[in-house]
Amino acid sequence: MPVDDARDPALRRERLIARCAAQRETLASALRELDKPIAVADRIASVACFLRAHPVVVVTVVAALVAVRPHTLLALAARGLAAWRLWRAVAALVEGPAARWLRGRAGGRS
């Protein structure tokens, strides 16, 4: 004779525990998808806190933007973008060998 859920607390508890585990996994999976957006929001918040704590920086940047001609500003922005792209390319090239070198050094120690 099959045992009913309502009459067997142990069986009901077992099923609830399994359901909770499935829900925890679903929630963890959903939160993993939000890791990068949360990191970006955290970075923006930290920049905002820095700027609030250092108003002189904001005033200096705004004054520099007002003082510099638009053409010069575009040239500076283009150079900055080129430098950033170069930095990213060099970092990507160095990252692979450096990571392998560090793993090799860490693997040698016991």
C-alpha atoms as a PDB file:
ATOM      1  CA  MET A   1       0.000   0.000   0.000  1.00  0.00           C
ATOM      2  CA  PRO A   2       1.611   3.342  -1.068  1.00  0.00           C
ATOM      3  CA  VAL A   3       2.324   5.845   1.648  1.00  0.00           C
ATOM      4  CA  ASP A   4       0.693   9.268   1.168  1.00  0.00           C
ATOM      5  CA  ASP A   5       2.783  12.469   1.413  1.00  0.00           C
ATOM      6  CA  ALA A   6       0.550  14.021   4.025  1.00  0.00           C
ATOM      7  CA  ARG A   7       0.698  10.937   6.215  1.00  0.00           C
ATOM      8  CA  ASP A   8       4.441  10.382   6.035  1.00  0.00           C
ATOM      9  CA  PRO A   9       6.330  13.438   7.317  1.00  0.00           C
ATOM     10  CA  ALA A  10       9.732  11.924   6.447  1.00  0.00           C
ATOM     11  CA  LEU A  11       8.760  11.529   2.785  1.00  0.00           C
ATOM     12  CA  ARG A  12       7.286  15.033   2.673  1.00  0.00           C
ATOM     13  CA  ARG A  13      10.450  16.436   4.264  1.00  0.00           C
ATOM     14  CA  GLU A  14      12.630  14.597   1.732  1.00  0.00           C
ATOM     15  CA  ARG A  15      10.650  16.015  -1.196  1.00  0.00           C
ATOM     16  CA  LEU A  16      10.775  19.534   0.261  1.00  0.00           C
ATOM     17  CA  ILE A  17      14.539  19.297   0.713  1.00  0.00           C
ATOM     18  CA  ALA A  18      14.931  18.192  -2.923  1.00  0.00           C
ATOM     19  CA  ARG A  19      12.688  21.046  -4.089  1.00  0.00           C
ATOM     20  CA  CYS A  20      14.707  23.564  -2.036  1.00  0.00           C
ATOM     21  CA  ALA A  21      17.950  22.272  -3.516  1.00  0.00           C
ATOM     22  CA  ALA A  22      16.572  22.702  -7.047  1.00  0.00           C
ATOM     23  CA  GLN A  23      15.397  26.234  -6.231  1.00  0.00           C
ATOM     24  CA  ARG A  24      18.800  27.127  -4.740  1.00  0.00           C
ATOM     25  CA  GLU A  25      20.521  25.926  -7.920  1.00  0.00           C
ATOM     26  CA  THR A  26      18.139  27.935 -10.105  1.00  0.00           C
ATOM     27  CA  LEU A  27      18.738  31.053  -8.014  1.00  0.00           C
ATOM     28  CA  ALA A  28      22.514  30.570  -8.067  1.00  0.00           C
ATOM     29  CA  SER A  29      22.434  30.184 -11.850  1.00  0.00           C
ATOM     30  CA  ALA A  30      20.407  33.383 -12.232  1.00  0.00           C
ATOM     31  CA  LEU A  31      22.790  35.278  -9.947  1.00  0.00           C
ATOM     32  CA  ARG A  32      25.839  34.043 -11.875  1.00  0.00           C
ATOM     33  CA  GLU A  33      24.422  35.729 -14.982  1.00  0.00           C
ATOM     34  CA  LEU A  34      24.346  39.025 -13.074  1.00  0.00           C
ATOM     35  CA  ASP A  35      28.009  38.940 -11.988  1.00  0.00           C
ATOM     36  CA  LYS A  36      29.298  41.199 -14.783  1.00  0.00           C
ATOM     37  CA  PRO A  37      26.484  43.785 -14.652  1.00  0.00           C
ATOM     38  CA  ILE A  38      26.861  43.974 -10.872  1.00  0.00           C
ATOM     39  CA  ALA A  39      30.630  44.436 -11.240  1.00  0.00           C
ATOM     40  CA  VAL A  40      30.064  47.286 -13.711  1.00  0.00           C
ATOM     41  CA  ALA A  41      27.544  48.947 -11.390  1.00  0.00           C
ATOM     42  CA  ASP A  42      29.966  48.545  -8.488  1.00  0.00           C
ATOM     43  CA  ARG A  43      32.747  50.151 -10.514  1.00  0.00           C
ATOM     44  CA  ILE A  44      30.494  53.086 -11.456  1.00  0.00           C
ATOM     45  CA  ALA A  45      29.517  53.529  -7.814  1.00  0.00           C
ATOM     46  CA  SER A  46      33.152  53.550  -6.717  1.00  0.00           C
ATOM     47  CA  VAL A  47      34.025  56.183  -9.364  1.00  0.00           C
ATOM     48  CA  ALA A  48      31.074  58.293  -8.209  1.00  0.00           C
ATOM     49  CA  CYS A  49      32.245  58.012  -4.587  1.00  0.00           C
ATOM     50  CA  PHE A  50      35.763  59.036  -5.615  1.00  0.00           C
ATOM     51  CA  LEU A  51      34.485  62.053  -7.537  1.00  0.00           C
ATOM     52  CA  ARG A  52      32.260  63.073  -4.627  1.00  0.00           C
ATOM     53  CA  ALA A  53      35.229  62.815  -2.279  1.00  0.00           C
ATOM     54  CA  HIS A  54      37.526  64.777  -4.633  1.00  0.00           C
ATOM     55  CA  PRO A  55      35.585  67.707  -6.104  1.00  0.00           C
ATOM     56  CA  VAL A  56      38.829  69.447  -7.076  1.00  0.00           C
ATOM     57  CA  VAL A  57      39.412  66.730  -9.675  1.00  0.00           C
ATOM     58  CA  VAL A  58      35.973  67.359 -11.189  1.00  0.00           C
ATOM     59  CA  VAL A  59      36.506  71.133 -11.270  1.00  0.00           C
ATOM     60  CA  THR A  60      39.945  70.717 -12.849  1.00  0.00           C
ATOM     61  CA  VAL A  61      38.664  68.379 -15.573  1.00  0.00           C
ATOM     62  CA  VAL A  62      35.715  70.658 -16.387  1.00  0.00           C
ATOM     63  CA  ALA A  63      38.006  73.700 -16.507  1.00  0.00           C
ATOM     64  CA  ALA A  64      40.420  71.879 -18.805  1.00  0.00           C
ATOM     65  CA  LEU A  65      37.576  70.858 -21.122  1.00  0.00           C
ATOM     66  CA  VAL A  66      36.343  74.444 -21.297  1.00  0.00           C
ATOM     67  CA  ALA A  67      39.847  75.814 -21.922  1.00  0.00           C
ATOM     68  CA  VAL A  68      40.807  73.319 -24.637  1.00  0.00           C
ATOM     69  CA  ARG A  69      39.490  73.839 -28.157  1.00  0.00           C
ATOM     70  CA  PRO A  70      37.137  71.101 -29.496  1.00  0.00           C
ATOM     71  CA  HIS A  71      39.618  70.106 -32.210  1.00  0.00           C
ATOM     72  CA  THR A  72      42.388  69.610 -29.662  1.00  0.00           C
ATOM     73  CA  LEU A  73      40.006  67.670 -27.429  1.00  0.00           C
ATOM     74  CA  LEU A  74      39.128  65.279 -30.270  1.00  0.00           C
ATOM     75  CA  ALA A  75      42.820  64.764 -31.042  1.00  0.00           C
ATOM     76  CA  LEU A  76      43.509  63.982 -27.382  1.00  0.00           C
ATOM     77  CA  ALA A  77      40.571  61.579 -27.261  1.00  0.00           C
ATOM     78  CA  ALA A  78      41.812  59.793 -30.393  1.00  0.00           C
ATOM     79  CA  ARG A  79      45.304  59.449 -28.906  1.00  0.00           C
ATOM     80  CA  GLY A  80      43.859  58.212 -25.646  1.00  0.00           C
ATOM     81  CA  LEU A  81      41.759  55.607 -27.458  1.00  0.00           C
ATOM     82  CA  ALA A  82      44.782  54.459 -29.462  1.00  0.00           C
ATOM     83  CA  ALA A  83      46.868  54.177 -26.295  1.00  0.00           C
ATOM     84  CA  TRP A  84      44.117  52.214 -24.575  1.00  0.00           C
ATOM     85  CA  ARG A  85      43.807  49.805 -27.517  1.00  0.00           C
ATOM     86  CA  LEU A  86      47.573  49.329 -27.569  1.00  0.00           C
ATOM     87  CA  TRP A  87      47.572  48.651 -23.827  1.00  0.00           C
ATOM     88  CA  ARG A  88      44.795  46.048 -24.198  1.00  0.00           C
ATOM     89  CA  ALA A  89      46.612  44.318 -27.073  1.00  0.00           C
ATOM     90  CA  VAL A  90      49.924  44.180 -25.215  1.00  0.00           C
ATOM     91  CA  ALA A  91      48.197  42.988 -22.035  1.00  0.00           C
ATOM     92  CA  ALA A  92      46.484  40.187 -23.980  1.00  0.00           C
ATOM     93  CA  LEU A  93      49.797  39.102 -25.514  1.00  0.00           C
ATOM     94  CA  VAL A  94      51.630  39.174 -22.198  1.00  0.00           C
ATOM     95  CA  GLU A  95      48.815  37.600 -20.195  1.00  0.00           C
ATOM     96  CA  GLY A  96      49.154  34.151 -21.781  1.00  0.00           C
ATOM     97  CA  PRO A  97      52.922  33.667 -21.346  1.00  0.00           C
ATOM     98  CA  ALA A  98      52.949  35.357 -17.934  1.00  0.00           C
ATOM     99  CA  ALA A  99      50.132  33.141 -16.681  1.00  0.00           C
ATOM    100  CA  ARG A 100      51.906  30.011 -17.938  1.00  0.00           C
ATOM    101  CA  TRP A 101      55.150  31.164 -16.332  1.00  0.00           C
ATOM    102  CA  LEU A 102      53.427  31.791 -12.998  1.00  0.00           C
ATOM    103  CA  ARG A 103      51.654  28.420 -13.122  1.00  0.00           C
ATOM    104  CA  GLY A 104      54.995  26.755 -13.851  1.00  0.00           C
ATOM    105  CA  ARG A 105      56.619  28.466 -10.863  1.00  0.00           C
ATOM    106  CA  ALA A 106      53.696  27.604  -8.568  1.00  0.00           C
ATOM    107  CA  GLY A 107      53.638  24.015  -9.820  1.00  0.00           C
ATOM    108  CA  GLY A 108      57.309  23.547  -8.964  1.00  0.00           C
ATOM    109  CA  ARG A 109      56.700  24.275  -5.287  1.00  0.00           C
ATOM    110  CA  SER A 110      55.261  21.651  -2.981  1.00  0.00           C
END
